[in-house]
Amino acid sequence: MKSVSVPYHLCLETLGNELRIRIIESLRENPKTVGELARELNAEQSRLSHSLRALKQCNFVGSKVKGKERVYSLTESFVKEMPKSKDLFEALEKHFRKFGCECWRGRK
């Protein structure tokens, strides 16, 4: 049996959260601020901020400053690369190889 060199469980742990999936679904429509997400998803801003930080750390979500607010959106890479792969693990491995993101090295 081939040993697992990519820690898939860490990425799946990040995505295996109902609020984070709801955030991703919402951001598929268009970019939003934390306030907009809070109203739409009926969630506390602190929970949203924590979830957005985890998604951002893994390069699934990015943000830009617009005036006094931060606007969140799905990263271009996540939108383009993930659906191309028919195999989830292949898609996650591509994502890891491209970003080597913090979530793969462990939470701080």
N, C-alpha and C. Protein backbone atom coordinates (compact mmCIF):
# COMPACT_ATOMS: atom_id res chain seq x y z
N MET A 1 0.85 -1.18 0.00
CA MET A 1 0.00 0.00 0.00
C MET A 1 0.89 1.24 0.00
N LYS A 2 0.55 2.19 -0.84
CA LYS A 2 1.30 3.44 -0.96
C LYS A 2 1.06 4.31 0.27
N SER A 3 2.14 4.87 0.82
CA SER A 3 1.97 5.75 1.98
C SER A 3 1.41 7.09 1.51
N VAL A 4 0.67 7.72 2.38
CA VAL A 4 0.04 9.00 2.06
C VAL A 4 1.04 10.11 2.35
N SER A 5 1.46 10.82 1.30
CA SER A 5 2.41 11.91 1.48
C SER A 5 1.72 13.26 1.63
N VAL A 6 0.50 13.35 1.16
CA VAL A 6 -0.27 14.59 1.29
C VAL A 6 -1.28 14.40 2.42
N PRO A 7 -1.26 15.26 3.40
CA PRO A 7 -2.18 15.11 4.55
C PRO A 7 -3.60 15.57 4.20
N TYR A 8 -4.31 14.75 3.43
CA TYR A 8 -5.66 15.10 2.98
C TYR A 8 -6.58 15.41 4.15
N HIS A 9 -6.40 14.71 5.25
CA HIS A 9 -7.31 14.88 6.39
C HIS A 9 -7.35 16.32 6.89
N LEU A 10 -6.25 17.06 6.76
CA LEU A 10 -6.25 18.45 7.23
C LEU A 10 -7.12 19.33 6.35
N CYS A 11 -7.06 19.10 5.04
CA CYS A 11 -7.91 19.88 4.14
C CYS A 11 -9.38 19.49 4.33
N LEU A 12 -9.61 18.19 4.45
CA LEU A 12 -10.99 17.75 4.64
C LEU A 12 -11.54 18.23 5.98
N GLU A 13 -10.66 18.35 6.98
CA GLU A 13 -11.08 18.90 8.27
C GLU A 13 -11.51 20.36 8.10
N THR A 14 -10.79 21.10 7.30
CA THR A 14 -11.14 22.49 7.04
C THR A 14 -12.48 22.58 6.31
N LEU A 15 -12.67 21.72 5.34
CA LEU A 15 -13.91 21.76 4.56
C LEU A 15 -15.06 21.01 5.22
N GLY A 16 -14.75 20.18 6.21
CA GLY A 16 -15.78 19.38 6.86
C GLY A 16 -16.49 20.12 7.97
N ASN A 17 -16.98 21.30 7.68
CA ASN A 17 -17.64 22.15 8.65
C ASN A 17 -18.82 22.80 7.93
N GLU A 18 -20.00 22.65 8.51
CA GLU A 18 -21.21 23.12 7.84
C GLU A 18 -21.16 24.62 7.51
N LEU A 19 -20.71 25.43 8.45
CA LEU A 19 -20.67 26.87 8.21
C LEU A 19 -19.69 27.20 7.07
N ARG A 20 -18.54 26.54 7.04
CA ARG A 20 -17.56 26.80 5.99
C ARG A 20 -18.10 26.41 4.62
N ILE A 21 -18.84 25.32 4.56
CA ILE A 21 -19.46 24.92 3.28
C ILE A 21 -20.51 25.95 2.88
N ARG A 22 -21.29 26.43 3.83
CA ARG A 22 -22.29 27.46 3.53
C ARG A 22 -21.63 28.75 3.05
N ILE A 23 -20.48 29.10 3.63
CA ILE A 23 -19.74 30.28 3.19
C ILE A 23 -19.30 30.09 1.74
N ILE A 24 -18.74 28.93 1.43
CA ILE A 24 -18.28 28.66 0.06
C ILE A 24 -19.46 28.73 -0.91
N GLU A 25 -20.58 28.14 -0.54
CA GLU A 25 -21.77 28.19 -1.41
C GLU A 25 -22.21 29.63 -1.63
N SER A 26 -22.20 30.44 -0.58
CA SER A 26 -22.60 31.83 -0.71
C SER A 26 -21.64 32.62 -1.59
N LEU A 27 -20.35 32.39 -1.39
CA LEU A 27 -19.35 33.14 -2.17
C LEU A 27 -19.29 32.69 -3.62
N ARG A 28 -19.88 31.54 -3.93
CA ARG A 28 -19.96 31.12 -5.33
C ARG A 28 -20.83 32.08 -6.12
N GLU A 29 -21.81 32.69 -5.45
CA GLU A 29 -22.71 33.64 -6.09
C GLU A 29 -22.00 34.95 -6.40
N ASN A 30 -21.35 35.52 -5.38
CA ASN A 30 -20.60 36.77 -5.54
C ASN A 30 -19.83 37.08 -4.26
N PRO A 31 -18.80 37.94 -4.34
CA PRO A 31 -18.04 38.32 -3.15
C PRO A 31 -18.92 39.03 -2.13
N LYS A 32 -18.56 38.88 -0.84
CA LYS A 32 -19.37 39.47 0.22
C LYS A 32 -18.49 39.88 1.40
N THR A 33 -19.00 40.82 2.18
CA THR A 33 -18.34 41.21 3.43
C THR A 33 -18.81 40.26 4.54
N VAL A 34 -18.14 40.34 5.68
CA VAL A 34 -18.54 39.51 6.82
C VAL A 34 -19.96 39.87 7.24
N GLY A 35 -20.29 41.15 7.22
CA GLY A 35 -21.64 41.58 7.59
C GLY A 35 -22.70 40.99 6.67
N GLU A 36 -22.42 41.00 5.37
CA GLU A 36 -23.36 40.42 4.41
C GLU A 36 -23.52 38.92 4.64
N LEU A 37 -22.39 38.25 4.86
CA LEU A 37 -22.45 36.81 5.14
C LEU A 37 -23.22 36.53 6.42
N ALA A 38 -23.00 37.36 7.45
CA ALA A 38 -23.69 37.18 8.73
C ALA A 38 -25.20 37.27 8.56
N ARG A 39 -25.64 38.25 7.81
CA ARG A 39 -27.09 38.41 7.57
C ARG A 39 -27.63 37.25 6.74
N GLU A 40 -26.93 36.92 5.66
CA GLU A 40 -27.41 35.87 4.77
C GLU A 40 -27.43 34.50 5.43
N LEU A 41 -26.39 34.19 6.19
CA LEU A 41 -26.26 32.86 6.78
C LEU A 41 -26.79 32.78 8.21
N ASN A 42 -27.25 33.93 8.72
CA ASN A 42 -27.76 34.01 10.09
C ASN A 42 -26.73 33.42 11.07
N ALA A 43 -25.51 33.93 10.98
CA ALA A 43 -24.41 33.44 11.82
C ALA A 43 -23.72 34.62 12.50
N GLU A 44 -23.14 34.35 13.66
CA GLU A 44 -22.41 35.39 14.38
C GLU A 44 -21.15 35.77 13.62
N GLN A 45 -20.83 37.05 13.65
CA GLN A 45 -19.64 37.53 12.93
C GLN A 45 -18.36 36.88 13.44
N SER A 46 -18.27 36.60 14.73
CA SER A 46 -17.05 35.98 15.26
C SER A 46 -16.88 34.56 14.71
N ARG A 47 -17.96 33.80 14.60
CA ARG A 47 -17.88 32.45 14.01
C ARG A 47 -17.50 32.53 12.53
N LEU A 48 -18.09 33.50 11.84
CA LEU A 48 -17.77 33.69 10.43
C LEU A 48 -16.31 34.06 10.24
N SER A 49 -15.82 34.97 11.06
CA SER A 49 -14.43 35.40 10.95
C SER A 49 -13.48 34.23 11.18
N HIS A 50 -13.79 33.39 12.15
CA HIS A 50 -12.95 32.21 12.42
C HIS A 50 -12.96 31.26 11.22
N SER A 51 -14.13 31.01 10.67
CA SER A 51 -14.25 30.12 9.51
C SER A 51 -13.58 30.71 8.27
N LEU A 52 -13.74 32.00 8.07
CA LEU A 52 -13.10 32.66 6.93
C LEU A 52 -11.57 32.61 7.05
N ARG A 53 -11.07 32.75 8.28
CA ARG A 53 -9.62 32.68 8.50
C ARG A 53 -9.10 31.29 8.11
N ALA A 54 -9.81 30.23 8.50
CA ALA A 54 -9.40 28.87 8.16
C ALA A 54 -9.45 28.65 6.65
N LEU A 55 -10.50 29.12 6.00
CA LEU A 55 -10.63 28.97 4.55
C LEU A 55 -9.56 29.79 3.82
N LYS A 56 -9.25 30.95 4.35
CA LYS A 56 -8.23 31.80 3.74
C LYS A 56 -6.85 31.19 3.92
N GLN A 57 -6.58 30.63 5.09
CA GLN A 57 -5.30 30.00 5.39
C GLN A 57 -5.02 28.86 4.42
N CYS A 58 -6.06 28.21 3.96
CA CYS A 58 -5.91 27.09 3.02
C CYS A 58 -6.10 27.53 1.57
N ASN A 59 -6.17 28.82 1.32
CA ASN A 59 -6.29 29.38 -0.03
C ASN A 59 -7.57 28.98 -0.77
N PHE A 60 -8.62 28.74 -0.02
CA PHE A 60 -9.92 28.51 -0.65
C PHE A 60 -10.63 29.85 -0.83
N VAL A 61 -10.35 30.78 0.08
CA VAL A 61 -10.99 32.09 0.10
C VAL A 61 -9.90 33.16 0.16
N GLY A 62 -10.14 34.27 -0.50
CA GLY A 62 -9.25 35.41 -0.44
C GLY A 62 -10.04 36.64 -0.06
N SER A 63 -9.35 37.74 0.20
CA SER A 63 -10.07 38.96 0.56
C SER A 63 -9.34 40.17 0.00
N LYS A 64 -10.10 41.23 -0.18
CA LYS A 64 -9.57 42.51 -0.62
C LYS A 64 -10.22 43.59 0.25
N VAL A 65 -9.44 44.62 0.52
CA VAL A 65 -9.96 45.74 1.31
C VAL A 65 -10.68 46.69 0.36
N LYS A 66 -11.90 47.04 0.74
CA LYS A 66 -12.70 47.98 -0.04
C LYS A 66 -13.23 49.02 0.94
N GLY A 67 -12.56 50.18 0.96
CA GLY A 67 -12.91 51.20 1.94
C GLY A 67 -12.54 50.72 3.32
N LYS A 68 -13.53 50.68 4.21
CA LYS A 68 -13.29 50.21 5.58
C LYS A 68 -13.63 48.74 5.77
N GLU A 69 -14.07 48.09 4.71
CA GLU A 69 -14.50 46.70 4.81
C GLU A 69 -13.57 45.76 4.06
N ARG A 70 -13.62 44.52 4.45
CA ARG A 70 -12.88 43.47 3.77
C ARG A 70 -13.92 42.62 3.02
N VAL A 71 -13.71 42.45 1.73
CA VAL A 71 -14.63 41.70 0.89
C VAL A 71 -14.01 40.34 0.58
N TYR A 72 -14.75 39.28 0.87
CA TYR A 72 -14.27 37.92 0.69
C TYR A 72 -14.83 37.32 -0.59
N SER A 73 -13.98 36.49 -1.23
CA SER A 73 -14.41 35.77 -2.43
C SER A 73 -13.63 34.47 -2.50
N LEU A 74 -14.11 33.55 -3.32
CA LEU A 74 -13.38 32.31 -3.56
C LEU A 74 -12.15 32.66 -4.38
N THR A 75 -11.04 31.98 -4.11
CA THR A 75 -9.83 32.26 -4.89
C THR A 75 -10.02 31.74 -6.31
N GLU A 76 -9.40 32.41 -7.24
CA GLU A 76 -9.49 32.02 -8.65
C GLU A 76 -9.01 30.58 -8.83
N SER A 77 -7.95 30.23 -8.14
CA SER A 77 -7.40 28.88 -8.23
C SER A 77 -8.41 27.84 -7.77
N PHE A 78 -9.07 28.11 -6.65
CA PHE A 78 -10.05 27.17 -6.12
C PHE A 78 -11.21 26.98 -7.09
N VAL A 79 -11.65 28.07 -7.66
CA VAL A 79 -12.79 28.02 -8.59
C VAL A 79 -12.41 27.26 -9.86
N LYS A 80 -11.21 27.49 -10.37
CA LYS A 80 -10.80 26.89 -11.65
C LYS A 80 -10.26 25.48 -11.52
N GLU A 81 -9.42 25.22 -10.53
CA GLU A 81 -8.71 23.95 -10.45
C GLU A 81 -9.50 22.82 -9.83
N MET A 82 -10.25 23.08 -8.81
CA MET A 82 -10.93 22.00 -8.11
C MET A 82 -11.92 21.23 -9.00
N PRO A 83 -12.78 21.89 -9.76
CA PRO A 83 -13.73 21.13 -10.58
C PRO A 83 -13.09 20.37 -11.74
N LYS A 84 -11.88 20.75 -12.16
CA LYS A 84 -11.24 20.08 -13.30
C LYS A 84 -10.93 18.63 -12.99
N SER A 85 -10.65 18.34 -11.75
CA SER A 85 -10.27 17.00 -11.34
C SER A 85 -11.51 16.18 -11.05
N LYS A 86 -11.54 14.98 -11.59
CA LYS A 86 -12.66 14.10 -11.30
C LYS A 86 -12.45 13.38 -9.98
N ASP A 87 -11.21 13.34 -9.53
CA ASP A 87 -10.85 12.67 -8.30
C ASP A 87 -10.58 13.71 -7.22
N LEU A 88 -11.31 13.65 -6.12
CA LEU A 88 -11.17 14.63 -5.05
C LEU A 88 -9.74 14.69 -4.53
N PHE A 89 -9.12 13.53 -4.34
CA PHE A 89 -7.77 13.52 -3.79
C PHE A 89 -6.76 14.11 -4.77
N GLU A 90 -6.98 13.89 -6.04
CA GLU A 90 -6.12 14.51 -7.05
C GLU A 90 -6.25 16.03 -6.99
N ALA A 91 -7.48 16.51 -6.85
CA ALA A 91 -7.71 17.95 -6.76
C ALA A 91 -7.06 18.52 -5.51
N LEU A 92 -7.19 17.83 -4.38
CA LEU A 92 -6.58 18.30 -3.14
C LEU A 92 -5.06 18.29 -3.23
N GLU A 93 -4.51 17.27 -3.87
CA GLU A 93 -3.06 17.20 -4.03
C GLU A 93 -2.56 18.36 -4.89
N LYS A 94 -3.27 18.68 -5.98
CA LYS A 94 -2.90 19.82 -6.82
C LYS A 94 -2.93 21.11 -6.00
N HIS A 95 -3.97 21.24 -5.21
CA HIS A 95 -4.12 22.44 -4.38
C HIS A 95 -2.94 22.52 -3.40
N PHE A 96 -2.61 21.41 -2.76
CA PHE A 96 -1.49 21.39 -1.82
C PHE A 96 -0.17 21.69 -2.50
N ARG A 97 0.06 21.06 -3.65
CA ARG A 97 1.33 21.26 -4.36
C ARG A 97 1.49 22.73 -4.78
N LYS A 98 0.37 23.36 -5.13
CA LYS A 98 0.44 24.75 -5.58
C LYS A 98 0.67 25.72 -4.42
N PHE A 99 0.01 25.46 -3.30
CA PHE A 99 0.04 26.43 -2.21
C PHE A 99 0.84 26.00 -0.99
N GLY A 100 0.93 24.70 -0.72
CA GLY A 100 1.60 24.27 0.50
C GLY A 100 1.10 25.05 1.69
N CYS A 101 -0.19 25.24 1.76
CA CYS A 101 -0.79 26.17 2.71
C CYS A 101 -0.63 25.76 4.18
N GLU A 102 -0.80 26.72 5.03
CA GLU A 102 -0.62 26.55 6.47
C GLU A 102 -1.46 25.41 7.04
N CYS A 103 -2.66 25.22 6.53
CA CYS A 103 -3.51 24.19 7.12
C CYS A 103 -2.88 22.81 6.98
N TRP A 104 -2.03 22.65 5.99
CA TRP A 104 -1.37 21.35 5.78
C TRP A 104 -0.24 21.15 6.79
N ARG A 105 0.30 22.22 7.32
CA ARG A 105 1.41 22.11 8.26
C ARG A 105 0.94 22.08 9.71
N GLY A 106 -0.35 22.20 9.89
CA GLY A 106 -0.89 22.17 11.24
C GLY A 106 -1.40 23.53 11.68
N ARG A 107 -2.36 23.51 12.53
CA ARG A 107 -2.98 24.74 13.01
C ARG A 107 -2.08 25.41 14.04
N LYS A 108 -2.15 26.71 14.08
CA LYS A 108 -1.39 27.48 15.08
C LYS A 108 -2.32 27.93 16.17
